[in-house]
Amino acid sequence: MMIDVVDEMTGRLLVDAGIGAGMRVLDVGCGRGDVSRMIGQLVGGQGQVVGVDRDAPSIAAARERARDLGLSNMTFAEGDLGALAPELGHFDAVVGRRVLMYQPDGVAAVRSLSRALRPGGVVVFQEHDATMVPASVAPLPLHERVSHWIWRTVEREGADIHMGFHLATVLEQAGLAVVRVRAEAVVQTPQTRYRTVAIVRAMLPRIVQRGVATEAEIDVDTLEDRLVEERAKANATYISDMVFGAWAREPA
């Protein structure tokens, strides 16, 4: 059974942070618009979602998908979250998933984004963190190698692989009052599957380019079966990811 538990975590985070009907929400680093669509369902027809990303092909894909799905409450713009275009206006909430970890100065990025908030607005971020993973009681060497491929690549690209633990501090130093911080684990058992291989497949050119592993080492076409077999043989439960979520507001 393949499940997307991170999307479930994101959905709960958005609801708990107060994203709801009629709100105008900015989705920064929106990519192809996956989180934007979650937000769009929450804000409804009277609300609006504006997705911003600096990658033009991703913005084009997000627009096309929204158009195909008939989602009229969503718009997308190419741009950098550190220098938002003034014509985007102001928002009831700013949301980002796996965004701050890639910023050279997370505090400055949040401070800049908070200027786009209306009074009483909320900032919501979700960030993965490598500090405590991978984890299992039984030895799972292939799982550990796969985790290494992913996280070493991200680290060599300049990301902060401990942004989850840094999240509260970043929000506070940006001048916001943190309302809640939490962490959830992505747990895999012998009977469940996570989209690890899809992630590795998408990252494959980057993994090779950064000198982390070769295509032959990874052998992505057989990787899923080998991971499942290793977990089943060890009858092991495995924690592959820790996902931190937080929301904050302008202090009173």
Protein backbone atom coordinates (compact mmCIF):
# COMPACT_ATOMS: atom_id res chain seq x y z
CA MET A 1 0.00 0.00 0.00
CA MET A 2 1.45 3.36 -1.10
CA ILE A 3 0.45 6.31 1.07
CA ASP A 4 1.39 9.97 1.03
CA VAL A 5 1.60 10.67 4.73
CA VAL A 6 3.40 13.99 4.19
CA ASP A 7 0.39 15.36 2.31
CA GLU A 8 -1.75 14.23 5.24
CA MET A 9 0.60 16.08 7.62
CA THR A 10 0.44 19.19 5.45
CA GLY A 11 -3.34 19.11 5.38
CA ARG A 12 -3.58 18.84 9.16
CA LEU A 13 -1.05 21.64 9.61
CA LEU A 14 -2.98 24.00 7.35
CA VAL A 15 -6.27 23.32 9.14
CA ASP A 16 -4.76 23.62 12.62
CA ALA A 17 -3.03 26.88 11.66
CA GLY A 18 -6.43 28.32 10.78
CA ILE A 19 -6.39 28.29 6.97
CA GLY A 20 -10.06 28.42 6.04
CA ALA A 21 -12.90 29.71 3.91
CA GLY A 22 -12.57 33.10 2.26
CA MET A 23 -8.88 33.64 3.04
CA ARG A 24 -6.32 35.00 0.59
CA VAL A 25 -3.21 32.82 0.89
CA LEU A 26 0.28 33.04 -0.60
CA ASP A 27 1.98 29.69 -1.33
CA VAL A 28 5.72 30.38 -1.63
CA GLY A 29 7.97 27.94 -3.46
CA CYS A 30 4.77 26.41 -4.81
CA GLY A 31 6.41 24.24 -7.47
CA ARG A 32 3.73 22.46 -9.51
CA GLY A 33 1.03 23.58 -7.09
CA ASP A 34 0.46 20.52 -4.89
CA VAL A 35 0.10 22.52 -1.67
CA SER A 36 -1.71 25.30 -3.54
CA ARG A 37 -4.48 22.85 -4.41
CA MET A 38 -4.80 21.78 -0.76
CA ILE A 39 -5.10 25.43 0.25
CA GLY A 40 -7.60 26.07 -2.56
CA GLN A 41 -9.93 23.41 -1.17
CA LEU A 42 -9.76 25.02 2.28
CA VAL A 43 -10.36 28.62 1.21
CA GLY A 44 -13.13 27.74 -1.24
CA GLY A 45 -14.60 29.79 -4.02
CA GLN A 46 -14.66 32.97 -1.98
CA GLY A 47 -10.95 32.65 -1.18
CA GLN A 48 -7.86 32.95 -3.33
CA VAL A 49 -4.51 31.18 -3.56
CA VAL A 50 -1.49 32.82 -5.19
CA GLY A 51 1.42 30.49 -5.84
CA VAL A 52 4.91 31.89 -6.38
CA ASP A 53 8.01 30.02 -7.54
CA ARG A 54 11.20 31.09 -9.31
CA ASP A 55 11.15 28.02 -11.59
CA ALA A 56 9.30 28.95 -14.79
CA PRO A 57 8.54 25.35 -15.95
CA SER A 58 7.00 24.54 -12.55
CA ILE A 59 4.80 27.64 -12.69
CA ALA A 60 3.69 26.71 -16.21
CA ALA A 61 2.81 23.19 -15.03
CA ALA A 62 0.90 24.55 -12.01
CA ARG A 63 -1.14 26.86 -14.23
CA GLU A 64 -1.95 24.05 -16.65
CA ARG A 65 -3.02 21.66 -13.90
CA ALA A 66 -5.22 24.31 -12.26
CA ARG A 67 -6.81 25.11 -15.61
CA ASP A 68 -7.43 21.43 -16.39
CA LEU A 69 -9.06 20.95 -12.97
CA GLY A 70 -11.16 24.11 -13.32
CA LEU A 71 -9.70 25.70 -10.19
CA SER A 72 -10.57 29.35 -10.71
CA ASN A 73 -9.51 30.48 -7.22
CA MET A 74 -5.82 29.84 -7.95
CA THR A 75 -3.25 31.98 -9.77
CA PHE A 76 0.49 31.48 -10.19
CA ALA A 77 3.37 33.88 -10.70
CA GLU A 78 7.08 33.48 -11.35
CA GLY A 79 9.16 35.24 -8.72
CA ASP A 80 11.56 35.04 -5.80
CA LEU A 81 10.14 34.79 -2.29
CA GLY A 82 12.82 37.20 -1.08
CA ALA A 83 11.57 39.94 -3.39
CA LEU A 84 7.83 39.63 -3.85
CA ALA A 85 6.26 41.82 -6.51
CA PRO A 86 4.21 44.60 -4.83
CA GLU A 87 1.31 43.99 -7.22
CA LEU A 88 0.68 40.62 -5.54
CA GLY A 89 -0.91 42.58 -2.69
CA HIS A 90 -1.45 41.44 0.88
CA PHE A 91 -2.51 38.10 2.30
CA ASP A 92 -4.23 36.55 5.29
CA ALA A 93 -1.60 33.80 5.36
CA VAL A 94 1.77 32.84 3.89
CA VAL A 95 2.47 29.12 3.51
CA GLY A 96 5.57 27.20 2.44
CA ARG A 97 6.61 23.53 2.33
CA ARG A 98 10.29 22.53 2.10
CA VAL A 99 11.18 26.12 1.25
CA LEU A 100 13.13 27.69 4.11
CA MET A 101 15.76 24.94 4.08
CA TYR A 102 16.88 26.20 0.66
CA GLN A 103 17.14 29.87 1.61
CA PRO A 104 20.62 31.30 2.24
CA ASP A 105 19.12 33.43 5.02
CA GLY A 106 15.89 31.96 6.38
CA VAL A 107 15.33 34.82 8.83
CA ALA A 108 15.58 37.45 6.12
CA ALA A 109 13.24 35.42 3.89
CA VAL A 110 10.55 35.14 6.59
CA ARG A 111 10.93 38.80 7.50
CA SER A 112 10.40 39.76 3.86
CA LEU A 113 7.38 37.48 3.50
CA SER A 114 5.75 38.76 6.67
CA ARG A 115 5.55 42.23 5.10
CA ALA A 116 2.97 40.77 2.71
CA LEU A 117 0.68 39.82 5.63
CA ARG A 118 -2.43 41.68 6.59
CA PRO A 119 -2.75 42.55 10.31
CA GLY A 120 -3.35 39.35 12.26
CA GLY A 121 -2.08 37.18 9.42
CA VAL A 122 -0.37 33.85 9.93
CA VAL A 123 2.87 32.33 8.58
CA VAL A 124 2.89 28.53 8.17
CA PHE A 125 5.95 26.44 7.26
CA GLN A 126 6.62 22.73 6.98
CA GLU A 127 10.24 21.53 6.77
CA HIS A 128 11.91 18.13 6.62
CA ASP A 129 14.90 17.50 8.89
CA ALA A 130 17.76 14.98 8.67
CA THR A 131 18.93 15.17 12.29
CA MET A 132 17.20 12.06 13.63
CA VAL A 133 16.81 9.90 10.52
CA PRO A 134 17.07 7.26 9.30
CA ALA A 135 16.09 5.22 12.36
CA SER A 136 15.26 1.58 13.01
CA VAL A 137 16.01 -1.08 15.59
CA ALA A 138 17.04 -3.68 13.01
CA PRO A 139 19.96 -2.93 10.65
CA LEU A 140 18.68 -1.74 7.25
CA PRO A 141 21.81 -0.87 5.27
CA LEU A 142 20.08 -0.22 1.93
CA HIS A 143 17.56 2.11 3.55
CA GLU A 144 20.42 3.97 5.20
CA ARG A 145 22.24 4.29 1.85
CA VAL A 146 19.13 5.70 0.16
CA SER A 147 18.68 8.23 2.95
CA HIS A 148 22.34 9.19 2.54
CA TRP A 149 21.92 9.70 -1.22
CA ILE A 150 18.98 12.05 -0.71
CA TRP A 151 20.27 14.10 2.21
CA ARG A 152 23.90 14.42 1.06
CA THR A 153 22.67 15.72 -2.28
CA VAL A 154 20.42 18.30 -0.63
CA GLU A 155 23.24 19.31 1.71
CA ARG A 156 25.73 19.70 -1.16
CA GLU A 157 23.20 21.93 -2.91
CA GLY A 158 23.49 24.30 0.05
CA ALA A 159 20.33 23.43 1.98
CA ASP A 160 20.04 23.48 5.76
CA ILE A 161 19.32 19.83 6.55
CA HIS A 162 18.46 20.74 10.15
CA MET A 163 15.85 23.38 9.30
CA GLY A 164 13.14 21.52 11.21
CA PHE A 165 14.98 22.02 14.48
CA HIS A 166 15.85 25.59 13.47
CA LEU A 167 12.30 26.48 12.42
CA ALA A 168 11.04 28.04 15.67
CA THR A 169 14.21 30.12 16.07
CA VAL A 170 14.02 31.37 12.49
CA LEU A 171 10.40 32.49 12.93
CA GLU A 172 11.17 34.20 16.24
CA GLN A 173 14.26 35.98 14.92
CA ALA A 174 12.15 37.23 12.01
CA GLY A 175 9.98 39.02 14.57
CA LEU A 176 7.05 36.62 14.72
CA ALA A 177 5.35 35.06 17.73
CA VAL A 178 5.39 31.27 17.37
CA VAL A 179 2.02 29.71 18.09
CA ARG A 180 2.90 26.03 17.71
CA VAL A 181 5.75 23.77 16.59
CA ARG A 182 5.40 20.03 16.11
CA ALA A 183 7.23 17.14 14.50
CA GLU A 184 5.83 13.99 12.92
CA ALA A 185 7.59 10.90 11.61
CA VAL A 186 7.16 9.09 8.31
CA VAL A 187 6.96 5.48 9.49
CA GLN A 188 7.39 2.55 7.11
CA THR A 189 6.55 -1.05 8.06
CA PRO A 190 6.96 -4.27 6.05
CA GLN A 191 3.37 -3.77 4.85
CA THR A 192 3.51 -0.09 3.88
CA ARG A 193 5.38 1.79 1.20
CA TYR A 194 6.39 5.42 0.93
CA ARG A 195 7.31 7.28 -2.27
CA THR A 196 11.04 7.06 -1.55
CA VAL A 197 11.85 5.60 -4.96
CA ALA A 198 9.83 8.28 -6.76
CA ILE A 199 11.87 10.89 -4.88
CA VAL A 200 15.15 9.17 -5.78
CA ARG A 201 14.08 8.88 -9.42
CA ALA A 202 13.23 12.59 -9.57
CA MET A 203 16.52 13.50 -7.85
CA LEU A 204 18.68 11.08 -9.85
CA PRO A 205 20.37 13.67 -12.12
CA ARG A 206 21.15 15.83 -9.07
CA ILE A 207 22.49 12.88 -7.06
CA VAL A 208 24.85 11.97 -9.89
CA GLN A 209 25.82 15.58 -10.61
CA ARG A 210 26.76 16.17 -6.97
CA GLY A 211 28.93 13.06 -6.91
CA VAL A 212 26.89 11.33 -4.20
CA ALA A 213 26.24 8.08 -6.11
CA THR A 214 26.25 6.71 -9.65
CA GLU A 215 23.24 5.48 -11.60
CA ALA A 216 24.66 1.94 -11.42
CA GLU A 217 24.95 2.14 -7.62
CA ILE A 218 21.37 3.31 -7.30
CA ASP A 219 19.82 0.96 -9.90
CA VAL A 220 16.55 2.83 -9.55
CA ASP A 221 14.46 0.33 -11.54
CA THR A 222 15.02 -2.40 -8.93
CA LEU A 223 15.24 -0.14 -5.88
CA GLU A 224 11.62 -0.46 -4.73
CA ASP A 225 11.74 -4.24 -4.66
CA ARG A 226 15.07 -4.26 -2.83
CA LEU A 227 13.81 -1.86 -0.16
CA VAL A 228 10.63 -3.85 0.41
CA GLU A 229 12.59 -7.10 0.57
CA GLU A 230 15.05 -5.68 3.13
CA ARG A 231 12.25 -4.45 5.42
CA ALA A 232 10.32 -7.68 5.08
CA LYS A 233 13.33 -9.90 5.75
CA ALA A 234 14.15 -7.95 8.91
CA ASN A 235 10.44 -7.60 9.79
CA ALA A 236 11.43 -4.02 10.58
CA THR A 237 9.70 -0.71 11.18
CA TYR A 238 11.68 2.19 9.75
CA ILE A 239 11.49 5.96 10.22
CA SER A 240 12.60 7.61 7.00
CA ASP A 241 11.69 11.27 7.59
CA MET A 242 10.99 13.74 10.35
CA VAL A 243 8.65 16.53 9.30
CA PHE A 244 8.40 19.71 11.36
CA GLY A 245 5.45 22.08 11.10
CA ALA A 246 5.01 25.49 12.68
CA TRP A 247 2.84 28.55 12.51
CA ALA A 248 3.41 32.06 13.83
CA ARG A 249 1.86 35.52 13.84
CA GLU A 250 2.91 39.11 14.17
CA PRO A 251 3.25 39.79 17.92
CA ALA A 252 0.49 41.85 19.53
